[in-house]
Protein backbone atom coordinates (compact mmCIF):
# COMPACT_ATOMS: atom_id res chain seq x y z
CA MET A 1 0.05 -0.10 -0.22
CA THR A 2 1.19 3.29 -0.74
CA ARG A 3 1.57 6.26 1.52
CA ASN A 4 -0.89 8.33 0.06
CA ARG A 5 -3.49 5.51 0.37
CA LEU A 6 -2.27 4.69 3.39
CA ILE A 7 -2.97 8.16 4.69
CA LEU A 8 -6.72 7.86 2.62
CA VAL A 9 -7.18 4.96 4.76
CA THR A 10 -5.68 5.88 8.09
CA LEU A 11 -8.49 9.20 7.59
CA GLY A 12 -10.95 6.84 7.16
CA VAL A 13 -10.82 4.61 10.11
CA MET A 14 -10.60 7.30 12.71
CA MET A 15 -13.37 8.81 11.45
CA SER A 16 -15.49 6.21 11.67
CA LEU A 17 -14.35 5.58 15.13
CA PHE A 18 -14.86 8.54 15.96
CA MET A 19 -18.37 8.65 15.59
CA ALA A 20 -18.89 5.23 16.44
CA SER A 21 -17.69 5.71 20.04
CA MET A 22 -19.07 9.41 19.84
CA GLU A 23 -22.89 7.99 19.74
CA SER A 24 -22.28 5.89 22.86
CA THR A 25 -21.98 9.00 24.70
CA VAL A 26 -23.46 11.81 22.62
CA ILE A 27 -26.94 11.03 23.49
CA ALA A 28 -26.00 12.38 27.17
CA THR A 29 -26.38 15.59 27.21
CA ALA A 30 -29.73 15.60 24.58
CA MET A 31 -31.80 13.28 26.33
CA PRO A 32 -32.99 15.90 28.74
CA THR A 33 -34.36 17.73 25.77
CA ILE A 34 -35.29 14.54 24.13
CA VAL A 35 -37.08 13.28 27.43
CA ALA A 36 -38.38 16.83 27.57
CA GLN A 37 -40.34 16.45 24.47
CA LEU A 38 -40.88 12.55 23.66
CA GLY A 39 -41.91 11.39 27.38
CA GLY A 40 -40.36 8.06 28.38
CA LEU A 41 -38.12 9.03 31.77
CA GLU A 42 -38.68 5.68 32.67
CA ASN A 43 -36.67 4.40 29.32
CA TYR A 44 -33.55 6.62 29.99
CA SER A 45 -31.05 3.50 30.31
CA TRP A 46 -32.15 2.30 27.62
CA VAL A 47 -31.29 4.91 25.02
CA PHE A 48 -28.18 4.61 26.02
CA SER A 49 -28.21 0.36 27.23
CA ILE A 50 -29.67 -0.55 23.54
CA TYR A 51 -27.09 0.91 21.56
CA LEU A 52 -24.17 -0.22 23.70
CA LEU A 53 -25.99 -4.34 24.14
CA THR A 54 -26.58 -4.30 20.15
CA SER A 55 -22.81 -2.50 19.12
CA THR A 56 -21.15 -4.60 21.91
CA THR A 57 -23.00 -8.31 21.11
CA THR A 58 -22.25 -7.60 17.05
CA GLY A 59 -18.48 -6.36 17.57
CA PRO A 60 -17.20 -10.24 17.71
CA ILE A 61 -19.31 -11.13 15.00
CA PHE A 62 -17.86 -8.30 12.82
CA GLY A 63 -14.47 -8.84 13.84
CA LYS A 64 -14.66 -13.00 12.67
CA LEU A 65 -16.01 -12.23 9.55
CA SER A 66 -13.52 -9.27 8.70
CA ASP A 67 -11.10 -12.57 9.51
CA ILE A 68 -12.76 -14.70 6.75
CA PHE A 69 -13.87 -12.27 4.00
CA GLY A 70 -11.50 -9.79 4.60
CA ARG A 71 -11.76 -6.07 6.43
CA ARG A 72 -12.81 -3.82 3.33
CA PRO A 73 -16.21 -5.83 2.52
CA ILE A 74 -17.21 -6.05 6.12
CA PHE A 75 -16.14 -2.37 6.95
CA MET A 76 -18.63 -1.18 4.03
CA ALA A 77 -21.93 -3.20 5.69
CA ALA A 78 -21.15 -1.46 9.13
CA ILE A 79 -20.90 1.50 7.73
CA ILE A 80 -24.30 1.39 5.74
CA LEU A 81 -25.93 0.08 8.57
CA PHE A 82 -24.64 3.30 11.24
CA VAL A 83 -25.50 5.22 8.35
CA VAL A 84 -29.32 3.79 8.07
CA GLY A 85 -29.38 3.76 12.05
CA SER A 86 -28.26 7.32 12.41
CA PHE A 87 -31.14 8.53 9.98
CA LEU A 88 -33.96 7.08 11.72
CA CYS A 89 -32.58 8.10 14.42
CA GLY A 90 -32.72 11.77 13.19
CA ILE A 91 -36.22 11.15 12.29
CA ALA A 92 -37.47 9.45 15.33
CA ASN A 93 -40.89 10.98 16.72
CA THR A 94 -41.71 8.72 19.81
CA MET A 95 -38.97 7.05 22.59
CA GLY A 96 -40.12 3.58 21.06
CA GLN A 97 -38.74 4.76 17.37
CA LEU A 98 -35.69 6.32 18.85
CA ILE A 99 -34.76 3.31 20.75
CA ALA A 100 -35.22 0.95 17.38
CA ALA A 101 -32.85 3.15 15.93
CA ARG A 102 -30.57 3.31 18.15
CA ALA A 103 -30.21 -0.23 18.21
CA VAL A 104 -29.64 -0.90 14.28
CA GLN A 105 -27.23 2.00 14.37
CA GLY A 106 -25.40 0.12 17.39
CA VAL A 107 -25.30 -2.94 14.95
CA GLY A 108 -23.36 -0.75 12.46
CA ALA A 109 -21.15 0.81 15.64
CA GLY A 110 -20.14 -2.84 16.23
CA GLY A 111 -18.40 -3.39 13.41
CA LEU A 112 -17.02 0.13 13.39
CA MET A 113 -15.21 0.16 16.01
CA PRO A 114 -13.09 -3.00 17.04
CA LEU A 115 -12.46 -3.29 12.51
CA ALA A 116 -10.57 0.64 13.03
CA PHE A 117 -8.43 -1.54 15.33
CA ILE A 118 -8.11 -4.40 13.43
CA ILE A 119 -7.23 -2.55 10.39
CA VAL A 120 -4.68 -0.32 11.79
CA GLY A 121 -2.86 -3.81 12.90
CA ASP A 122 -3.11 -5.07 9.52
CA ILE A 123 -1.27 -2.33 7.55
CA TYR A 124 0.96 -1.08 10.39
CA THR A 125 4.45 -2.66 11.27
CA LEU A 126 4.88 -3.22 15.62
CA GLU A 127 7.12 -0.19 15.65
CA GLN A 128 4.75 2.01 13.31
CA ARG A 129 1.68 0.44 15.31
CA THR A 130 2.97 1.98 19.32
CA ARG A 131 2.76 5.56 17.42
CA VAL A 132 -0.87 5.00 15.21
CA GLN A 133 -2.30 3.04 18.02
CA GLY A 134 -2.00 5.21 20.35
CA LEU A 135 -3.22 8.17 18.30
CA PHE A 136 -6.30 5.78 17.65
CA SER A 137 -6.59 5.23 21.14
CA GLY A 138 -6.77 9.12 21.58
CA VAL A 139 -9.15 8.93 19.40
CA TRP A 140 -11.87 6.52 20.21
CA GLY A 141 -11.02 8.21 23.89
CA VAL A 142 -11.45 12.43 22.68
CA SER A 143 -14.93 10.45 20.47
CA SER A 144 -16.33 8.49 23.74
CA VAL A 145 -15.86 12.26 26.16
CA ILE A 146 -16.75 14.43 23.18
CA GLY A 147 -19.56 13.01 22.57
CA PRO A 148 -21.24 15.14 25.38
CA LEU A 149 -19.94 18.25 24.26
CA ILE A 150 -21.21 17.87 20.73
CA GLY A 151 -24.46 16.58 22.03
CA GLY A 152 -24.98 19.79 24.36
CA PHE A 153 -24.11 22.41 21.82
CA LEU A 154 -26.03 21.22 19.02
CA VAL A 155 -29.13 20.70 21.77
CA ASP A 156 -28.74 23.97 22.40
CA THR A 157 -27.87 25.76 18.87
CA VAL A 158 -29.83 23.49 16.61
CA SER A 159 -32.31 20.31 17.41
CA TRP A 160 -31.48 17.27 19.38
CA HIS A 161 -32.15 15.17 15.89
CA TRP A 162 -29.02 17.19 14.37
CA VAL A 163 -27.23 15.13 17.21
CA PHE A 164 -27.80 11.76 15.01
CA LEU A 165 -27.78 13.26 11.56
CA VAL A 166 -24.87 14.94 11.40
CA ASN A 167 -23.26 11.96 11.16
CA ILE A 168 -24.22 10.76 7.63
CA PRO A 169 -22.41 13.09 5.51
CA ALA A 170 -19.23 12.24 7.77
CA ALA A 171 -19.56 8.58 7.66
CA ILE A 172 -20.07 8.46 3.09
CA ILE A 173 -16.34 10.37 3.54
CA ALA A 174 -15.04 8.17 5.63
CA ALA A 175 -16.49 5.03 3.44
CA GLY A 176 -15.52 6.37 0.28
CA LEU A 177 -11.88 7.24 1.97
CA VAL A 178 -11.60 3.65 2.53
CA TRP A 179 -12.89 1.89 -0.19
CA PHE A 180 -10.72 3.93 -2.80
CA GLY A 181 -7.90 4.09 -0.58
CA TRP A 182 -7.80 0.25 -0.19
CA SER A 183 -5.05 -1.53 -1.96
CA GLY A 184 -2.35 -3.98 -1.07
CA VAL A 185 -3.52 -5.52 1.37
CA ALA A 186 -3.85 -9.76 0.75
CA ARG A 187 -7.70 -10.88 1.51
CA PRO A 188 -8.07 -13.97 3.00
CA THR A 189 -6.93 -16.72 1.07
CA GLY A 190 -7.60 -20.65 1.00
CA ALA A 191 -10.63 -21.88 1.88
CA ARG A 192 -12.63 -20.21 4.43
CA PRO A 193 -13.77 -21.79 8.25
CA ALA A 194 -17.51 -22.19 8.55
CA ILE A 195 -19.04 -19.44 10.18
CA ASP A 196 -19.85 -19.82 13.63
CA TYR A 197 -24.05 -19.62 13.61
CA ALA A 198 -24.26 -21.22 16.63
CA GLY A 199 -21.39 -19.09 18.58
CA ALA A 200 -23.08 -15.70 16.92
CA GLY A 201 -26.85 -17.09 17.77
CA LEU A 202 -25.59 -17.81 21.60
CA LEU A 203 -23.58 -14.73 22.10
CA ILE A 204 -26.68 -12.66 20.95
CA VAL A 205 -29.29 -14.44 23.79
CA ALA A 206 -26.75 -14.32 26.55
CA VAL A 207 -26.13 -10.54 26.29
CA VAL A 208 -29.68 -9.42 25.50
CA ALA A 209 -31.31 -11.91 27.77
CA LEU A 210 -28.81 -10.51 30.61
CA LEU A 211 -29.26 -6.80 29.92
CA LEU A 212 -33.02 -6.99 29.85
CA GLY A 213 -32.97 -9.13 33.10
CA LEU A 214 -30.97 -6.42 34.76
CA ASN A 215 -33.72 -3.76 33.94
CA ASP A 216 -35.73 -4.65 36.77
CA LEU A 217 -34.49 -7.41 38.77
CA GLY A 218 -37.86 -7.31 41.07
CA ARG A 219 -39.69 -9.42 38.65
CA THR A 220 -40.38 -12.56 38.28
CA LEU A 221 -40.19 -12.44 34.23
CA ASN A 222 -36.57 -10.70 34.89
CA GLN A 223 -35.03 -13.45 37.17
CA GLY A 224 -35.96 -15.96 34.43
CA LEU A 225 -34.04 -14.04 32.10
CA ILE A 226 -31.22 -13.71 33.71
CA GLY A 227 -30.94 -17.55 34.49
CA LEU A 228 -31.19 -17.58 30.49
CA ALA A 229 -28.50 -15.75 30.26
CA LEU A 230 -26.27 -17.87 32.49
CA ALA A 231 -27.81 -20.96 30.42
CA ALA A 232 -26.64 -19.38 26.70
CA THR A 233 -23.44 -17.69 28.69
CA GLY A 234 -22.86 -21.86 29.17
CA ALA A 235 -23.64 -22.94 25.77
CA LEU A 236 -21.67 -20.46 23.98
CA ILE A 237 -18.60 -21.13 26.14
CA TRP A 238 -18.80 -25.09 24.78
CA VAL A 239 -19.84 -24.06 21.79
CA GLU A 240 -16.87 -22.01 20.81
CA LEU A 241 -14.38 -24.25 22.96
CA ARG A 242 -15.25 -26.79 19.92
CA ALA A 243 -15.65 -24.04 17.10
CA PRO A 244 -13.48 -24.67 14.35
CA ALA A 245 -13.22 -20.08 13.71
CA PRO A 246 -15.23 -19.05 17.21
CA ILE A 247 -16.23 -15.24 17.20
CA LEU A 248 -15.07 -15.78 20.40
CA PRO A 249 -11.55 -17.18 20.81
CA LEU A 250 -12.02 -18.93 24.27
CA ARG A 251 -9.20 -20.83 23.81
CA LEU A 252 -6.70 -17.83 24.13
CA LEU A 253 -7.67 -17.03 27.46
CA LYS A 254 -5.17 -19.83 28.34
CA ASP A 255 -3.26 -16.46 27.52
CA ARG A 256 -2.63 -14.74 30.69
CA MET A 257 -1.61 -11.49 29.04
CA PHE A 258 -4.97 -12.21 26.95
CA ALA A 259 -6.76 -13.38 29.61
CA VAL A 260 -5.84 -10.00 32.44
CA ALA A 261 -6.56 -7.71 29.33
CA CYS A 262 -10.44 -9.13 28.80
CA ILE A 263 -10.75 -8.81 32.92
CA HIS A 264 -9.35 -5.14 32.35
CA GLY A 265 -11.45 -4.27 29.74
CA LEU A 266 -14.69 -5.29 31.74
CA LEU A 267 -14.04 -4.53 34.61
CA ALA A 268 -12.31 -0.08 33.40
CA GLY A 269 -15.80 -0.07 30.44
CA TRP A 270 -18.05 -0.76 33.84
CA ALA A 271 -16.12 1.90 36.07
CA LEU A 272 -16.23 4.45 33.27
CA PHE A 273 -19.13 4.10 31.37
CA GLY A 274 -21.18 3.11 33.76
CA SER A 275 -20.40 6.29 35.47
CA MET A 276 -19.44 8.58 32.99
CA SER A 277 -23.22 8.04 31.79
CA TYR A 278 -24.65 9.83 34.61
CA VAL A 279 -21.80 12.86 35.28
CA PRO A 280 -24.34 15.35 32.45
CA LEU A 281 -27.22 14.28 34.71
CA TYR A 282 -25.84 14.84 38.04
CA VAL A 283 -23.88 18.19 36.63
CA GLN A 284 -27.42 19.66 34.58
CA GLY A 285 -30.27 18.03 36.93
CA VAL A 286 -28.12 18.94 40.88
CA LEU A 287 -26.05 21.61 39.33
CA GLY A 288 -28.98 23.45 37.23
CA THR A 289 -25.93 24.03 34.27
CA THR A 290 -26.62 24.20 30.98
CA ALA A 291 -26.47 20.52 28.45
CA THR A 292 -23.57 22.62 27.22
CA GLU A 293 -21.68 23.24 30.26
CA ALA A 294 -22.85 19.39 31.61
CA GLY A 295 -21.23 18.06 28.67
CA SER A 296 -17.89 20.58 29.05
CA THR A 297 -17.65 19.20 32.28
CA LEU A 298 -15.98 15.58 30.65
CA THR A 299 -13.14 18.06 28.44
CA PRO A 300 -11.11 17.47 31.35
CA LEU A 301 -11.16 13.38 31.05
CA LEU A 302 -10.85 13.98 26.82
CA LEU A 303 -7.48 15.84 27.22
CA GLY A 304 -6.21 13.50 29.75
CA TRP A 305 -7.17 10.47 28.08
CA VAL A 306 -5.62 11.54 24.45
CA PHE A 307 -2.48 12.90 25.87
CA THR A 308 -1.57 9.82 28.11
CA SER A 309 -2.72 7.24 25.23
CA ILE A 310 0.46 8.49 22.98
CA LEU A 311 2.29 9.40 25.60
CA ALA A 312 1.67 5.46 26.43
CA SER A 313 2.13 4.49 23.37
CA ARG A 314 5.49 5.92 22.32
CA ILE A 315 7.14 4.13 25.26
CA LEU A 316 6.32 1.03 24.69
CA LEU A 317 8.90 -0.08 22.72
CA ARG A 318 10.98 0.64 25.80
CA VAL A 319 8.94 0.18 28.73
CA SER A 320 7.13 -3.11 30.15
CA TYR A 321 3.38 -2.46 28.71
CA ARG A 322 2.53 -4.06 31.85
CA THR A 323 4.14 -1.03 34.11
CA VAL A 324 2.65 1.18 31.73
CA ALA A 325 -1.37 0.11 32.52
CA VAL A 326 -0.05 -0.41 36.42
CA THR A 327 0.66 3.25 36.52
CA GLY A 328 -2.14 4.46 34.69
CA MET A 329 -4.77 2.52 36.98
CA MET A 330 -3.14 3.55 39.79
CA PHE A 331 -4.21 7.36 38.42
CA PHE A 332 -7.64 5.70 37.72
CA MET A 333 -7.67 4.64 41.30
CA VAL A 334 -7.04 7.82 42.70
CA GLY A 335 -9.85 9.45 40.38
CA ALA A 336 -12.36 6.97 41.59
CA VAL A 337 -12.01 7.97 45.22
CA LEU A 338 -12.19 11.57 43.97
CA LEU A 339 -15.33 11.05 42.31
CA THR A 340 -17.48 9.25 45.74
CA GLN A 341 -16.15 13.12 46.74
CA ALA A 342 -17.89 15.03 44.52
CA PRO A 343 -21.79 14.85 45.46
CA ALA A 344 -20.94 15.91 48.51
CA PHE A 345 -18.98 18.92 48.38
CA GLY A 346 -21.21 20.03 45.25
CA SER A 347 -17.45 20.75 43.54
CA ARG A 348 -17.70 20.85 39.61
CA VAL A 349 -14.02 21.99 39.84
CA LEU A 350 -13.97 18.63 41.86
CA LEU A 351 -15.48 16.16 39.69
CA MET A 352 -13.41 17.41 36.38
CA VAL A 353 -10.16 16.70 39.20
CA ALA A 354 -11.72 13.41 39.09
CA LEU A 355 -12.39 12.61 35.44
CA THR A 356 -8.89 13.81 34.55
CA LEU A 357 -7.43 11.22 36.84
CA LEU A 358 -9.82 8.77 35.20
CA GLY A 359 -8.72 9.52 31.63
CA ILE A 360 -5.09 9.27 32.84
CA GLY A 361 -5.78 5.68 33.56
CA MET A 362 -7.76 4.94 30.74
CA GLY A 363 -5.34 6.63 28.21
CA ALA A 364 -2.21 4.27 29.58
CA SER A 365 -3.60 1.21 30.27
CA ILE A 366 -6.22 0.71 26.94
CA PRO A 367 -3.28 0.82 24.00
CA SER A 368 -0.95 -1.38 26.39
CA PHE A 369 -3.27 -4.08 26.17
CA LEU A 370 -4.34 -3.56 22.94
CA ILE A 371 -0.92 -3.24 21.32
CA ALA A 372 0.36 -6.25 23.85
CA VAL A 373 -2.15 -8.63 22.62
CA GLN A 374 -2.15 -7.63 18.86
CA THR A 375 1.87 -8.28 18.86
CA SER A 376 1.20 -12.10 20.65
CA VAL A 377 -1.23 -13.44 18.78
CA SER A 378 -1.52 -14.92 14.80
CA ARG A 379 -2.59 -12.87 12.06
CA SER A 380 -5.26 -15.09 11.57
CA GLN A 381 -6.90 -14.49 14.82
CA MET A 382 -5.87 -10.53 15.29
CA GLY A 383 -9.82 -9.58 14.30
CA ALA A 384 -11.18 -12.38 16.57
CA ALA A 385 -9.03 -11.37 19.45
CA THR A 386 -8.62 -7.18 19.22
CA ALA A 387 -12.45 -7.41 18.92
CA SER A 388 -12.78 -9.84 21.74
CA ILE A 389 -10.93 -7.05 23.63
CA GLN A 390 -13.16 -4.39 22.51
CA PHE A 391 -15.79 -6.72 23.40
CA SER A 392 -14.85 -6.67 26.71
CA ARG A 393 -14.74 -3.05 27.85
CA GLN A 394 -18.33 -3.15 25.80
CA ILE A 395 -20.19 -5.46 27.27
CA GLY A 396 -18.57 -3.73 31.02
CA GLY A 397 -19.51 -0.34 29.99
CA THR A 398 -23.49 -1.97 29.08
CA ILE A 399 -23.45 -3.96 32.39
CA GLY A 400 -22.43 -0.66 33.91
CA VAL A 401 -24.98 1.67 32.73
CA ALA A 402 -27.46 -0.75 33.55
CA VAL A 403 -26.47 -1.55 36.76
CA LEU A 404 -26.02 1.89 38.01
CA GLY A 405 -29.41 2.62 36.31
CA ILE A 406 -30.69 0.02 38.91
CA VAL A 407 -28.50 1.86 41.70
CA LEU A 408 -29.90 5.41 40.84
CA ALA A 409 -33.66 4.50 40.71
CA ALA A 410 -32.99 2.66 43.89
CA GLN A 411 -31.52 5.29 45.59
CA LEU A 412 -33.57 8.19 43.99
CA THR A 413 -36.69 6.38 45.35
CA SER A 414 -35.32 5.74 49.10
CA SER A 415 -34.09 9.12 49.21
CA LEU A 416 -37.87 11.02 48.18
CA ALA A 417 -39.45 8.60 50.29
CA ALA A 418 -37.00 9.44 53.36
CA ALA A 419 -37.50 12.85 53.10
CA GLY A 420 -41.43 12.26 52.85
CA LEU A 421 -41.91 12.32 49.12
CA ALA A 422 -43.74 9.98 46.59
CA PRO A 423 -41.77 9.83 43.05
CA ASP A 424 -45.04 10.48 41.49
CA ALA A 425 -45.57 13.28 43.91
CA PHE A 426 -43.70 15.94 41.01
CA PRO A 427 -42.87 15.67 37.35
CA ILE A 428 -39.43 13.73 37.68
CA ASP A 429 -38.87 15.36 34.86
CA ALA A 430 -38.90 18.46 36.12
CA LEU A 431 -35.32 17.47 38.11
CA LEU A 432 -33.71 17.95 34.11
CA GLY A 433 -34.48 21.46 34.30
CA GLU A 434 -35.35 21.36 30.48
CA GLY A 435 -39.00 23.37 30.33
CA THR A 436 -40.38 23.20 33.81
CA SER A 437 -39.86 26.44 34.97
CA ASN A 438 -43.53 26.56 35.50
CA VAL A 439 -43.05 23.34 38.11
CA GLU A 440 -42.21 23.97 41.73
CA LEU A 441 -39.77 21.08 43.19
CA PRO A 442 -39.85 20.59 46.50
CA ALA A 443 -36.57 21.05 48.33
CA ALA A 444 -35.41 18.11 48.75
CA ALA A 445 -35.81 16.98 45.54
CA ARG A 446 -32.69 17.83 44.17
CA PRO A 447 -30.55 16.31 46.63
CA ALA A 448 -32.99 13.54 46.70
CA LEU A 449 -31.13 12.66 42.99
CA ALA A 450 -27.59 13.80 44.55
CA ASP A 451 -27.86 11.05 47.08
CA ALA A 452 -28.89 8.69 44.34
CA ILE A 453 -25.81 9.88 42.02
CA GLY A 454 -23.55 9.64 45.06
CA ALA A 455 -24.73 6.03 45.16
CA THR A 456 -23.69 5.04 41.45
CA PHE A 457 -20.06 6.70 42.08
CA ASN A 458 -19.27 4.85 45.00
CA MET A 459 -19.86 1.79 42.90
CA THR A 460 -17.84 2.68 40.64
CA LEU A 461 -15.21 2.82 43.17
CA GLY A 462 -15.32 -1.03 44.14
CA ILE A 463 -14.96 -2.22 40.48
CA ALA A 464 -12.11 0.26 39.85
CA LEU A 465 -10.43 -1.16 42.89
CA PHE A 466 -10.84 -4.50 41.43
CA ALA A 467 -10.08 -3.90 38.00
CA THR A 468 -6.35 -1.79 38.84
CA ILE A 469 -5.99 -4.83 41.35
CA ALA A 470 -6.31 -7.08 37.93
CA THR A 471 -4.07 -5.58 35.70
CA PHE A 472 -1.27 -6.30 38.56
CA PHE A 473 -1.26 -9.78 37.38
CA ALA A 474 -0.54 -9.59 33.64
CA PRO A 475 2.63 -10.72 32.64
CA SER A 476 6.30 -8.87 32.98
CA GLY A 477 8.12 -8.03 29.82
CA ASN A 478 7.48 -6.11 26.12
CA ILE A 479 6.21 -5.93 23.21
CA THR A 480 9.17 -6.89 21.16
CA GLN A 481 9.49 -10.04 23.23
CA LEU A 482 5.87 -10.72 22.59
CA ARG A 483 6.65 -10.41 18.85
CA ASP A 484 10.02 -12.45 18.97
CA ARG A 485 7.73 -15.22 20.59
CA ARG A 486 5.39 -14.70 17.78
CA GLU A 487 7.08 -15.53 14.60
CA ALA A 488 9.43 -17.94 16.60
CA GLN A 489 5.72 -20.00 16.94
CA ASP A 490 4.57 -19.25 13.41
CA ALA A 491 8.10 -20.39 12.47
CA ALA A 492 7.25 -24.06 14.66
CA ILE A 493 4.17 -24.22 13.27
CA SER A 494 4.92 -23.46 9.55
CA ALA A 495 8.04 -25.84 10.07
CA GLY A 496 5.65 -28.51 11.34
CA ASP A 497 4.14 -28.33 8.16
């Protein structure tokens, strides 16, 4: 691939990654306005969760399909689905329509996010990847964090519909860049392994049942769904360990580095994206700011993430990836502690300091594990392995949003009851400060919301602790040693053939 074509492909996949990851959080500051216009506060978390659910479920499937059919056709299929979903979101007139459209949009994003990192692993050498992958991790972090800021700006200046419609021209440009720039990258040759339809189906059933079940654990039906999720997970493990080309490469979990990377992704994704979804709600609903100000609160997280991801990737050739990841997670842990104190002090500044430290932690740990995994697996497994790392982080965020939503609702009801108020004593939408100037809120209403969000931050601290501990179990060494070990193994296999 020539240098010019390399630049075109890089720009295209970078744009697609930016859009897909941004859509997981851009909705945060638009939701108060959307709820005010469409109603349905009881479905607040589902607008987040359905996108995370579909993108999480389909990510490993797209990754494996790209190993079988090649990167470009699967990338194009994903971006078409993303455009269709974005258009449907933009024209939605009811909360039900919006949730359904977000599901379609999430399916497309489920392909775009892992494929961006997979394609980088294909077209760059290890030395180049340590520079570029950090940049891509920074873009992923920037887009995830800047989403609420962009969402708030569009809501305040244009319309919430443009939070979604703005994706369409950008996605078309990204697709054109990748299509015309792609050249010189060999497509898979030889007999194609059978597609793991059973694994894909069981993965979808397990994740969907889990998320639906977590929506209300008090109902018998939801408890049954949790049981279904556990049964489907058990069947998935059985199938994947026997499939010739599994969607989830569970055999790689025998490798301690890959296993730790997946555990870290699950827990860190839960802690960060779960809590981050409720930060704008706190700033806007408790502190009484505008949507744009609520989104800007996440800017320090963005800055910490981008700067650290670029720096961390560049030093990986000289420093052990475990050292970089552990150092980052220590910052992450301190940030989680400070996050729990922000509601007590009612301080937006303290909140921003905490978010900065969380960003530093993710910026250091994510590219470290990603590059280490891509370096240690064979090229035929790179798509599935990369998508699995993405999957672990996304499923963590998906579960985090859902579980923290349960905690938020339960604590809000409890705090209102302690103040002698029933949840239906006044419009709950009035807590969001959107178009409710004629509603007089009880004095205890906003403190109750602050207590509820504080409870979600406390749970985040516990999850962050486990994520930090898990990082210490990563094996020592550096990525050049991982590369040499993989090349030696590949040579031995070739010699045996």
